[in-house]
Amino acid sequence: MILIVDSGSTKSDWIAIDSKTGNHFFERQRTSGLNPAIISKFEAIDIINKNKIITNHRFRVEYVFFYGAGCGTVEASRMLKNVLKSIFSNAKVSVKEDTYAAVFSTIDSEASPAVVCILGTGSNCTYFDGKKAQQRVVSLGYSVMDDASGNYFGRQLLRDYYFDFMPHDFKLMFETRYNINADYIKKNLYKKPNPNAYLAKFAEFLVLNRESDYVQSVIKKGLRSFVKTMILQYEDEIKTVPVHFAGSIAFFLQEEIKEIAMEFGFKIGNFQRRPIEGLVDYHINQVTNN
């Protein structure tokens, strides 16, 4: 059995598959997030052990491939690896930062160099040289960076609404669909956890109304900003390698991304809405070939 985990700070998705057939052993499971930068070893063990569907199969697991937020340092990665080994004692365990989930779910083969972008709740961009992921920009999080992400677009829509830049008919649709009471918004932004995820919920408005000139202008402004700040950090690399995209924002805005790619002169590669699904084929091939 192969166990694949894609984890953020708030949630983790688990998929268990047969290494020979690719069949699922059980339905996808979800647990709390396993970010080793913000939880302890004992908290991580407790989170996993609470899911009996996962732990009931623990002795059948041969491989664990874990991709998670907060796993970019040696110490954090080692802690989580030890946790996973203590539970899945018969398995070989690999722990990598979440960037690699986007890389491995989009590249065409194991050693295919590419620039890989994440456009989901947040955004990021990395260069995969065929062996390692290389990032040239240190992310400072949603409040400073994350151009063209779900939370970026949510923030832009709220700003346009309150600054009265949004066309009147769109304002009516926007306030009908969402609670745009100022106190409610500020409570979610400044008093509740995960304000980035709260902002990202507004991004669906773009997808639902993407045919309008106003929405197109918001989308393309965000995408151009992402290209300039992130993709063009790899200006030399994109002359020879494709640019792949992972995440729901990228998946739903494929046509706009392709237009911007033509504008800036780089080659679009693959789109993957949910990285964990792309990881299934990657790891079946990896285990089979090894």
C-alpha atoms as a PDB file:
ATOM      1  CA  MET A   1       0.000   0.000   0.000  1.00  0.00           C
ATOM      2  CA  ILE A   2       1.128   3.524  -0.856  1.00  0.00           C
ATOM      3  CA  LEU A   3      -0.048   6.318   1.436  1.00  0.00           C
ATOM      4  CA  ILE A   4       0.091   9.833  -0.040  1.00  0.00           C
ATOM      5  CA  VAL A   5      -0.498  12.878   2.147  1.00  0.00           C
ATOM      6  CA  ASP A   6      -0.911  16.502   1.072  1.00  0.00           C
ATOM      7  CA  SER A   7      -0.938  18.669   4.186  1.00  0.00           C
ATOM      8  CA  GLY A   8      -1.403  22.337   4.954  1.00  0.00           C
ATOM      9  CA  SER A   9      -1.611  24.087   8.279  1.00  0.00           C
ATOM     10  CA  THR A  10      -5.350  23.534   8.672  1.00  0.00           C
ATOM     11  CA  LYS A  11      -6.074  20.244   6.881  1.00  0.00           C
ATOM     12  CA  SER A  12      -4.401  17.147   5.470  1.00  0.00           C
ATOM     13  CA  ASP A  13      -5.709  14.928   2.662  1.00  0.00           C
ATOM     14  CA  TRP A  14      -4.792  11.223   2.692  1.00  0.00           C
ATOM     15  CA  ILE A  15      -5.021   8.767  -0.207  1.00  0.00           C
ATOM     16  CA  ALA A  16      -4.189   5.051   0.098  1.00  0.00           C
ATOM     17  CA  ILE A  17      -3.605   3.094  -3.108  1.00  0.00           C
ATOM     18  CA  ASP A  18      -2.478  -0.350  -4.189  1.00  0.00           C
ATOM     19  CA  SER A  19       1.034  -0.027  -5.645  1.00  0.00           C
ATOM     20  CA  LYS A  20       0.266  -2.607  -8.361  1.00  0.00           C
ATOM     21  CA  THR A  21      -3.264  -1.791  -9.467  1.00  0.00           C
ATOM     22  CA  GLY A  22      -3.691   1.828  -8.410  1.00  0.00           C
ATOM     23  CA  ASN A  23      -6.980   0.934  -6.724  1.00  0.00           C
ATOM     24  CA  HIS A  24      -7.936   2.885  -3.605  1.00  0.00           C
ATOM     25  CA  PHE A  25      -7.989   0.995  -0.310  1.00  0.00           C
ATOM     26  CA  PHE A  26     -10.452   3.452   1.213  1.00  0.00           C
ATOM     27  CA  GLU A  27     -12.070   6.783   0.415  1.00  0.00           C
ATOM     28  CA  ARG A  28      -9.920   9.867   0.691  1.00  0.00           C
ATOM     29  CA  GLN A  29      -9.514  10.859   4.315  1.00  0.00           C
ATOM     30  CA  ARG A  30      -9.089  14.311   5.833  1.00  0.00           C
ATOM     31  CA  THR A  31      -7.437  15.135   9.145  1.00  0.00           C
ATOM     32  CA  SER A  32      -6.304  18.338  10.796  1.00  0.00           C
ATOM     33  CA  GLY A  33      -3.165  19.930   9.409  1.00  0.00           C
ATOM     34  CA  LEU A  34       0.247  18.463  10.248  1.00  0.00           C
ATOM     35  CA  ASN A  35       2.496  21.486  10.002  1.00  0.00           C
ATOM     36  CA  PRO A  36       5.566  20.588  12.115  1.00  0.00           C
ATOM     37  CA  ALA A  37       6.414  24.253  12.489  1.00  0.00           C
ATOM     38  CA  ILE A  38       3.318  24.885  14.605  1.00  0.00           C
ATOM     39  CA  ILE A  39       2.407  21.548  16.234  1.00  0.00           C
ATOM     40  CA  SER A  40       4.364  19.202  18.488  1.00  0.00           C
ATOM     41  CA  LYS A  41       5.320  15.596  17.907  1.00  0.00           C
ATOM     42  CA  PHE A  42       2.616  14.462  20.343  1.00  0.00           C
ATOM     43  CA  GLU A  43      -0.041  16.615  18.688  1.00  0.00           C
ATOM     44  CA  ALA A  44       0.865  15.112  15.305  1.00  0.00           C
ATOM     45  CA  ILE A  45       0.583  11.580  16.665  1.00  0.00           C
ATOM     46  CA  ASP A  46      -2.781  12.388  18.243  1.00  0.00           C
ATOM     47  CA  ILE A  47      -4.150  13.879  15.006  1.00  0.00           C
ATOM     48  CA  ILE A  48      -3.252  10.778  12.993  1.00  0.00           C
ATOM     49  CA  ASN A  49      -4.420   8.295  15.626  1.00  0.00           C
ATOM     50  CA  LYS A  50      -7.848   9.929  15.782  1.00  0.00           C
ATOM     51  CA  ASN A  51      -8.562   8.666  12.264  1.00  0.00           C
ATOM     52  CA  LYS A  52      -9.260   4.968  12.705  1.00  0.00           C
ATOM     53  CA  ILE A  53      -9.688   4.301   8.988  1.00  0.00           C
ATOM     54  CA  ILE A  54      -6.069   5.317   8.450  1.00  0.00           C
ATOM     55  CA  THR A  55      -4.592   3.661  11.526  1.00  0.00           C
ATOM     56  CA  ASN A  56      -6.503   0.397  11.004  1.00  0.00           C
ATOM     57  CA  HIS A  57      -4.400  -0.057   7.851  1.00  0.00           C
ATOM     58  CA  ARG A  58      -1.101   1.124   9.358  1.00  0.00           C
ATOM     59  CA  PHE A  59       0.702  -2.240   9.162  1.00  0.00           C
ATOM     60  CA  ARG A  60      -0.199  -2.679   5.479  1.00  0.00           C
ATOM     61  CA  VAL A  61       1.478   0.576   4.434  1.00  0.00           C
ATOM     62  CA  GLU A  62       4.711   0.026   2.495  1.00  0.00           C
ATOM     63  CA  TYR A  63       5.411   3.620   1.467  1.00  0.00           C
ATOM     64  CA  VAL A  64       4.432   6.991   2.912  1.00  0.00           C
ATOM     65  CA  PHE A  65       4.919  10.056   0.735  1.00  0.00           C
ATOM     66  CA  PHE A  66       4.171  13.147   2.791  1.00  0.00           C
ATOM     67  CA  TYR A  67       4.085  16.691   1.370  1.00  0.00           C
ATOM     68  CA  GLY A  68       3.416  19.475   3.781  1.00  0.00           C
ATOM     69  CA  ALA A  69       3.579  23.078   4.810  1.00  0.00           C
ATOM     70  CA  GLY A  70       6.347  23.717   7.329  1.00  0.00           C
ATOM     71  CA  CYS A  71       8.496  20.812   6.110  1.00  0.00           C
ATOM     72  CA  GLY A  72      11.178  22.934   4.479  1.00  0.00           C
ATOM     73  CA  THR A  73      13.713  22.646   7.323  1.00  0.00           C
ATOM     74  CA  VAL A  74      15.737  19.588   8.313  1.00  0.00           C
ATOM     75  CA  GLU A  75      14.540  19.581  11.915  1.00  0.00           C
ATOM     76  CA  ALA A  76      10.843  19.896  11.082  1.00  0.00           C
ATOM     77  CA  SER A  77      11.062  17.261   8.374  1.00  0.00           C
ATOM     78  CA  ARG A  78      12.901  14.860  10.692  1.00  0.00           C
ATOM     79  CA  MET A  79      10.320  15.290  13.453  1.00  0.00           C
ATOM     80  CA  LEU A  80       7.420  14.474  11.175  1.00  0.00           C
ATOM     81  CA  LYS A  81       9.272  11.569   9.584  1.00  0.00           C
ATOM     82  CA  ASN A  82       9.826  10.064  13.030  1.00  0.00           C
ATOM     83  CA  VAL A  83       6.133  10.492  13.829  1.00  0.00           C
ATOM     84  CA  LEU A  84       5.093   8.729  10.639  1.00  0.00           C
ATOM     85  CA  LYS A  85       7.631   5.926  11.176  1.00  0.00           C
ATOM     86  CA  SER A  86       6.313   5.358  14.697  1.00  0.00           C
ATOM     87  CA  ILE A  87       2.799   4.766  13.331  1.00  0.00           C
ATOM     88  CA  PHE A  88       3.523   3.157   9.953  1.00  0.00           C
ATOM     89  CA  SER A  89       6.364   0.985  11.211  1.00  0.00           C
ATOM     90  CA  ASN A  90       6.603  -1.237   8.112  1.00  0.00           C
ATOM     91  CA  ALA A  91       6.826   1.662   5.669  1.00  0.00           C
ATOM     92  CA  LYS A  92       9.547   3.622   3.953  1.00  0.00           C
ATOM     93  CA  VAL A  93       8.772   7.269   4.720  1.00  0.00           C
ATOM     94  CA  SER A  94       9.511  10.358   2.627  1.00  0.00           C
ATOM     95  CA  VAL A  95       8.731  13.874   3.862  1.00  0.00           C
ATOM     96  CA  LYS A  96       9.018  16.890   1.562  1.00  0.00           C
ATOM     97  CA  GLU A  97       7.772  20.472   1.586  1.00  0.00           C
ATOM     98  CA  ASP A  98       4.466  21.101  -0.180  1.00  0.00           C
ATOM     99  CA  THR A  99       6.118  22.684  -3.220  1.00  0.00           C
ATOM    100  CA  TYR A 100       7.156  19.214  -4.366  1.00  0.00           C
ATOM    101  CA  ALA A 101       3.525  18.087  -4.455  1.00  0.00           C
ATOM    102  CA  ALA A 102       2.879  20.667  -7.160  1.00  0.00           C
ATOM    103  CA  VAL A 103       6.080  19.683  -8.991  1.00  0.00           C
ATOM    104  CA  PHE A 104       5.540  15.924  -9.000  1.00  0.00           C
ATOM    105  CA  SER A 105       1.842  16.220  -9.881  1.00  0.00           C
ATOM    106  CA  THR A 106       2.483  18.312 -12.992  1.00  0.00           C
ATOM    107  CA  ILE A 107       5.795  17.240 -14.570  1.00  0.00           C
ATOM    108  CA  ASP A 108       5.666  14.812 -17.494  1.00  0.00           C
ATOM    109  CA  SER A 109       8.360  12.482 -16.151  1.00  0.00           C
ATOM    110  CA  GLU A 110      10.471  12.165 -13.023  1.00  0.00           C
ATOM    111  CA  ALA A 111      13.447  14.144 -14.331  1.00  0.00           C
ATOM    112  CA  SER A 112      11.647  16.735 -16.461  1.00  0.00           C
ATOM    113  CA  PRO A 113      12.852  20.298 -15.715  1.00  0.00           C
ATOM    114  CA  ALA A 114      10.068  22.852 -15.488  1.00  0.00           C
ATOM    115  CA  VAL A 115       8.926  26.028 -13.825  1.00  0.00           C
ATOM    116  CA  VAL A 116       6.002  25.094 -11.586  1.00  0.00           C
ATOM    117  CA  CYS A 117       3.453  27.601 -10.290  1.00  0.00           C
ATOM    118  CA  ILE A 118       0.904  27.224  -7.525  1.00  0.00           C
ATOM    119  CA  LEU A 119      -2.256  29.297  -7.817  1.00  0.00           C
ATOM    120  CA  GLY A 120      -4.692  28.220  -5.139  1.00  0.00           C
ATOM    121  CA  THR A 121      -5.578  29.850  -1.838  1.00  0.00           C
ATOM    122  CA  GLY A 122      -2.005  31.162  -1.947  1.00  0.00           C
ATOM    123  CA  SER A 123       0.534  31.360  -4.759  1.00  0.00           C
ATOM    124  CA  ASN A 124       4.136  30.402  -5.345  1.00  0.00           C
ATOM    125  CA  CYS A 125       6.571  29.564  -8.118  1.00  0.00           C
ATOM    126  CA  THR A 126       9.624  27.310  -8.273  1.00  0.00           C
ATOM    127  CA  TYR A 127      12.104  25.914 -10.764  1.00  0.00           C
ATOM    128  CA  PHE A 128      12.545  22.139 -10.803  1.00  0.00           C
ATOM    129  CA  ASP A 129      15.855  21.207 -12.423  1.00  0.00           C
ATOM    130  CA  GLY A 130      14.996  17.526 -12.713  1.00  0.00           C
ATOM    131  CA  LYS A 131      16.221  16.709  -9.211  1.00  0.00           C
ATOM    132  CA  LYS A 132      15.552  19.577  -6.842  1.00  0.00           C
ATOM    133  CA  ALA A 133      13.172  22.500  -6.529  1.00  0.00           C
ATOM    134  CA  GLN A 134      14.834  25.902  -6.485  1.00  0.00           C
ATOM    135  CA  GLN A 135      13.050  29.012  -5.248  1.00  0.00           C
ATOM    136  CA  ARG A 136      14.460  32.504  -5.729  1.00  0.00           C
ATOM    137  CA  VAL A 137      11.829  34.428  -3.802  1.00  0.00           C
ATOM    138  CA  VAL A 138      11.174  33.922  -0.105  1.00  0.00           C
ATOM    139  CA  SER A 139       7.432  34.035   0.444  1.00  0.00           C
ATOM    140  CA  LEU A 140       6.224  36.501   3.066  1.00  0.00           C
ATOM    141  CA  GLY A 141       2.698  35.156   3.014  1.00  0.00           C
ATOM    142  CA  TYR A 142      -0.709  36.292   1.901  1.00  0.00           C
ATOM    143  CA  SER A 143      -0.656  39.829   3.287  1.00  0.00           C
ATOM    144  CA  VAL A 144       2.436  40.867   1.319  1.00  0.00           C
ATOM    145  CA  MET A 145       2.739  38.488  -1.647  1.00  0.00           C
ATOM    146  CA  ASP A 146       0.528  35.755  -3.144  1.00  0.00           C
ATOM    147  CA  ASP A 147      -0.236  37.591  -6.409  1.00  0.00           C
ATOM    148  CA  ALA A 148      -3.022  35.988  -8.480  1.00  0.00           C
ATOM    149  CA  SER A 149      -3.991  33.639  -5.655  1.00  0.00           C
ATOM    150  CA  GLY A 150      -7.487  33.112  -4.342  1.00  0.00           C
ATOM    151  CA  ASN A 151      -6.846  35.402  -1.394  1.00  0.00           C
ATOM    152  CA  TYR A 152      -5.328  38.043  -3.708  1.00  0.00           C
ATOM    153  CA  PHE A 153      -8.428  38.090  -5.912  1.00  0.00           C
ATOM    154  CA  GLY A 154     -10.720  38.107  -2.891  1.00  0.00           C
ATOM    155  CA  ARG A 155      -8.867  41.112  -1.523  1.00  0.00           C
ATOM    156  CA  GLN A 156      -9.114  42.924  -4.864  1.00  0.00           C
ATOM    157  CA  LEU A 157     -12.854  42.329  -5.098  1.00  0.00           C
ATOM    158  CA  LEU A 158     -13.446  43.626  -1.585  1.00  0.00           C
ATOM    159  CA  ARG A 159     -11.332  46.697  -2.293  1.00  0.00           C
ATOM    160  CA  ASP A 160     -13.171  47.385  -5.540  1.00  0.00           C
ATOM    161  CA  TYR A 161     -16.502  47.010  -3.794  1.00  0.00           C
ATOM    162  CA  TYR A 162     -15.673  49.380  -0.950  1.00  0.00           C
ATOM    163  CA  PHE A 163     -13.732  51.891  -3.057  1.00  0.00           C
ATOM    164  CA  ASP A 164     -16.661  51.871  -5.527  1.00  0.00           C
ATOM    165  CA  PHE A 165     -14.496  50.678  -8.421  1.00  0.00           C
ATOM    166  CA  MET A 166     -16.813  47.728  -9.045  1.00  0.00           C
ATOM    167  CA  PRO A 167     -19.563  48.371 -11.628  1.00  0.00           C
ATOM    168  CA  HIS A 168     -22.975  48.930 -10.051  1.00  0.00           C
ATOM    169  CA  ASP A 169     -24.590  45.747 -11.393  1.00  0.00           C
ATOM    170  CA  PHE A 170     -21.662  43.693 -10.104  1.00  0.00           C
ATOM    171  CA  LYS A 171     -21.914  45.349  -6.703  1.00  0.00           C
ATOM    172  CA  LEU A 172     -25.530  44.214  -6.507  1.00  0.00           C
ATOM    173  CA  MET A 173     -24.576  40.644  -7.425  1.00  0.00           C
ATOM    174  CA  PHE A 174     -21.645  40.702  -5.012  1.00  0.00           C
ATOM    175  CA  GLU A 175     -23.640  41.872  -2.009  1.00  0.00           C
ATOM    176  CA  THR A 176     -26.414  39.400  -2.808  1.00  0.00           C
ATOM    177  CA  ARG A 177     -23.995  36.471  -2.827  1.00  0.00           C
ATOM    178  CA  TYR A 178     -21.809  37.431   0.153  1.00  0.00           C
ATOM    179  CA  ASN A 179     -22.086  39.030   3.559  1.00  0.00           C
ATOM    180  CA  ILE A 180     -20.271  42.300   2.904  1.00  0.00           C
ATOM    181  CA  ASN A 181     -21.071  43.927   6.233  1.00  0.00           C
ATOM    182  CA  ALA A 182     -17.902  45.776   7.277  1.00  0.00           C
ATOM    183  CA  ASP A 183     -17.915  44.463  10.856  1.00  0.00           C
ATOM    184  CA  TYR A 184     -18.400  40.893   9.650  1.00  0.00           C
ATOM    185  CA  ILE A 185     -15.538  41.210   7.171  1.00  0.00           C
ATOM    186  CA  LYS A 186     -13.175  42.724   9.746  1.00  0.00           C
ATOM    187  CA  LYS A 187     -14.029  40.004  12.236  1.00  0.00           C
ATOM    188  CA  ASN A 188     -13.056  37.343   9.704  1.00  0.00           C
ATOM    189  CA  LEU A 189      -9.891  39.189   8.694  1.00  0.00           C
ATOM    190  CA  TYR A 190      -8.558  40.160  12.091  1.00  0.00           C
ATOM    191  CA  LYS A 191     -10.145  37.983  14.764  1.00  0.00           C
ATOM    192  CA  LYS A 192     -10.713  34.581  13.196  1.00  0.00           C
ATOM    193  CA  PRO A 193      -8.069  32.070  12.058  1.00  0.00           C
ATOM    194  CA  ASN A 194      -7.060  31.637   8.409  1.00  0.00           C
ATOM    195  CA  PRO A 195      -8.000  35.035   6.951  1.00  0.00           C
ATOM    196  CA  ASN A 196      -6.279  33.972   3.726  1.00  0.00           C
ATOM    197  CA  ALA A 197      -8.784  31.148   3.264  1.00  0.00           C
ATOM    198  CA  TYR A 198     -11.651  33.536   4.066  1.00  0.00           C
ATOM    199  CA  LEU A 199     -10.491  35.962   1.369  1.00  0.00           C
ATOM    200  CA  ALA A 200     -10.058  33.134  -1.137  1.00  0.00           C
ATOM    201  CA  LYS A 201     -13.757  32.258  -0.912  1.00  0.00           C
ATOM    202  CA  PHE A 202     -14.598  35.441  -2.800  1.00  0.00           C
ATOM    203  CA  ALA A 203     -12.544  34.324  -5.794  1.00  0.00           C
ATOM    204  CA  GLU A 204     -15.369  32.113  -7.049  1.00  0.00           C
ATOM    205  CA  PHE A 205     -17.101  35.356  -8.064  1.00  0.00           C
ATOM    206  CA  LEU A 206     -14.470  35.775 -10.785  1.00  0.00           C
ATOM    207  CA  VAL A 207     -15.061  32.311 -12.199  1.00  0.00           C
ATOM    208  CA  LEU A 208     -18.846  32.740 -12.166  1.00  0.00           C
ATOM    209  CA  ASN A 209     -18.643  36.081 -13.989  1.00  0.00           C
ATOM    210  CA  ARG A 210     -15.483  35.646 -16.019  1.00  0.00           C
ATOM    211  CA  GLU A 211     -17.054  36.700 -19.324  1.00  0.00           C
ATOM    212  CA  SER A 212     -17.418  40.327 -18.255  1.00  0.00           C
ATOM    213  CA  ASP A 213     -14.882  43.022 -19.106  1.00  0.00           C
ATOM    214  CA  TYR A 214     -14.628  44.063 -15.469  1.00  0.00           C
ATOM    215  CA  VAL A 215     -13.799  40.557 -14.208  1.00  0.00           C
ATOM    216  CA  GLN A 216     -11.370  39.976 -17.075  1.00  0.00           C
ATOM    217  CA  SER A 217      -9.516  43.144 -16.116  1.00  0.00           C
ATOM    218  CA  VAL A 218      -9.202  41.972 -12.478  1.00  0.00           C
ATOM    219  CA  ILE A 219      -8.027  38.510 -13.513  1.00  0.00           C
ATOM    220  CA  LYS A 220      -5.460  39.682 -16.025  1.00  0.00           C
ATOM    221  CA  LYS A 221      -4.089  42.380 -13.737  1.00  0.00           C
ATOM    222  CA  GLY A 222      -3.455  39.716 -11.102  1.00  0.00           C
ATOM    223  CA  LEU A 223      -1.911  37.264 -13.560  1.00  0.00           C
ATOM    224  CA  ARG A 224       0.387  39.908 -15.056  1.00  0.00           C
ATOM    225  CA  SER A 225       1.555  40.813 -11.578  1.00  0.00           C
ATOM    226  CA  PHE A 226       2.284  37.140 -10.811  1.00  0.00           C
ATOM    227  CA  VAL A 227       4.273  36.749 -14.015  1.00  0.00           C
ATOM    228  CA  LYS A 228       6.346  39.843 -13.329  1.00  0.00           C
ATOM    229  CA  THR A 229       7.053  39.109  -9.673  1.00  0.00           C
ATOM    230  CA  MET A 230       7.369  35.319  -9.770  1.00  0.00           C
ATOM    231  CA  ILE A 231       7.659  33.645 -13.167  1.00  0.00           C
ATOM    232  CA  LEU A 232      10.129  36.169 -14.569  1.00  0.00           C
ATOM    233  CA  GLN A 233      12.469  35.320 -11.701  1.00  0.00           C
ATOM    234  CA  TYR A 234      13.222  32.361 -13.993  1.00  0.00           C
ATOM    235  CA  GLU A 235      13.538  34.422 -17.156  1.00  0.00           C
ATOM    236  CA  ASP A 236      16.326  32.288 -18.607  1.00  0.00           C
ATOM    237  CA  GLU A 237      14.731  28.962 -17.697  1.00  0.00           C
ATOM    238  CA  ILE A 238      11.335  29.694 -19.284  1.00  0.00           C
ATOM    239  CA  LYS A 239      13.054  30.072 -22.643  1.00  0.00           C
ATOM    240  CA  THR A 240      13.619  26.306 -22.725  1.00  0.00           C
ATOM    241  CA  VAL A 241      11.233  24.638 -20.242  1.00  0.00           C
ATOM    242  CA  PRO A 242       7.430  24.601 -19.868  1.00  0.00           C
ATOM    243  CA  VAL A 243       5.565  26.391 -17.107  1.00  0.00           C
ATOM    244  CA  HIS A 244       3.147  24.106 -15.245  1.00  0.00           C
ATOM    245  CA  PHE A 245       0.324  25.207 -12.957  1.00  0.00           C
ATOM    246  CA  ALA A 246      -1.258  23.568  -9.915  1.00  0.00           C
ATOM    247  CA  GLY A 247      -4.217  24.709  -7.840  1.00  0.00           C
ATOM    248  CA  SER A 248      -7.889  25.518  -8.311  1.00  0.00           C
ATOM    249  CA  ILE A 249      -7.391  29.143  -9.357  1.00  0.00           C
ATOM    250  CA  ALA A 250      -5.018  28.089 -12.128  1.00  0.00           C
ATOM    251  CA  PHE A 251      -7.352  25.287 -13.202  1.00  0.00           C
ATOM    252  CA  PHE A 252     -10.382  27.550 -13.612  1.00  0.00           C
ATOM    253  CA  LEU A 253      -8.433  30.398 -15.231  1.00  0.00           C
ATOM    254  CA  GLN A 254      -6.591  28.314 -17.821  1.00  0.00           C
ATOM    255  CA  GLU A 255      -7.705  30.361 -20.804  1.00  0.00           C
ATOM    256  CA  GLU A 256      -6.618  33.645 -19.230  1.00  0.00           C
ATOM    257  CA  ILE A 257      -3.286  32.121 -18.201  1.00  0.00           C
ATOM    258  CA  LYS A 258      -2.685  30.947 -21.763  1.00  0.00           C
ATOM    259  CA  GLU A 259      -3.400  34.456 -23.066  1.00  0.00           C
ATOM    260  CA  ILE A 260      -0.956  36.011 -20.587  1.00  0.00           C
ATOM    261  CA  ALA A 261       1.648  33.368 -21.483  1.00  0.00           C
ATOM    262  CA  MET A 262       1.449  34.412 -25.124  1.00  0.00           C
ATOM    263  CA  GLU A 263       1.774  38.034 -24.064  1.00  0.00           C
ATOM    264  CA  PHE A 264       4.972  37.332 -22.119  1.00  0.00           C
ATOM    265  CA  GLY A 265       6.313  34.658 -24.431  1.00  0.00           C
ATOM    266  CA  PHE A 266       6.551  31.502 -22.328  1.00  0.00           C
ATOM    267  CA  LYS A 267       5.266  27.992 -22.997  1.00  0.00           C
ATOM    268  CA  ILE A 268       2.372  26.609 -20.972  1.00  0.00           C
ATOM    269  CA  GLY A 269       2.682  23.019 -19.782  1.00  0.00           C
ATOM    270  CA  ASN A 270       0.184  21.095 -17.658  1.00  0.00           C
ATOM    271  CA  PHE A 271      -2.621  22.111 -15.316  1.00  0.00           C
ATOM    272  CA  GLN A 272      -3.462  20.143 -12.169  1.00  0.00           C
ATOM    273  CA  ARG A 273      -6.398  21.239 -10.036  1.00  0.00           C
ATOM    274  CA  ARG A 274      -5.630  19.032  -7.022  1.00  0.00           C
ATOM    275  CA  PRO A 275      -1.961  18.057  -6.665  1.00  0.00           C
ATOM    276  CA  ILE A 276      -2.730  14.987  -4.580  1.00  0.00           C
ATOM    277  CA  GLU A 277      -4.563  13.417  -7.532  1.00  0.00           C
ATOM    278  CA  GLY A 278      -1.579  13.941  -9.828  1.00  0.00           C
ATOM    279  CA  LEU A 279       0.690  12.395  -7.215  1.00  0.00           C
ATOM    280  CA  VAL A 280      -1.061   9.024  -7.503  1.00  0.00           C
ATOM    281  CA  ASP A 281       0.238   8.274 -11.007  1.00  0.00           C
ATOM    282  CA  TYR A 282       3.643   9.718 -10.190  1.00  0.00           C
ATOM    283  CA  HIS A 283       4.190   7.490  -7.179  1.00  0.00           C
ATOM    284  CA  ILE A 284       2.787   4.336  -8.763  1.00  0.00           C
ATOM    285  CA  ASN A 285       5.331   4.802 -11.571  1.00  0.00           C
ATOM    286  CA  GLN A 286       8.089   5.576  -9.102  1.00  0.00           C
ATOM    287  CA  VAL A 287       7.461   2.493  -6.971  1.00  0.00           C
ATOM    288  CA  THR A 288       7.016   0.249 -10.022  1.00  0.00           C
ATOM    289  CA  ASN A 289      10.252   1.424 -11.633  1.00  0.00           C
ATOM    290  CA  ASN A 290      12.242   1.115  -8.422  1.00  0.00           C
END
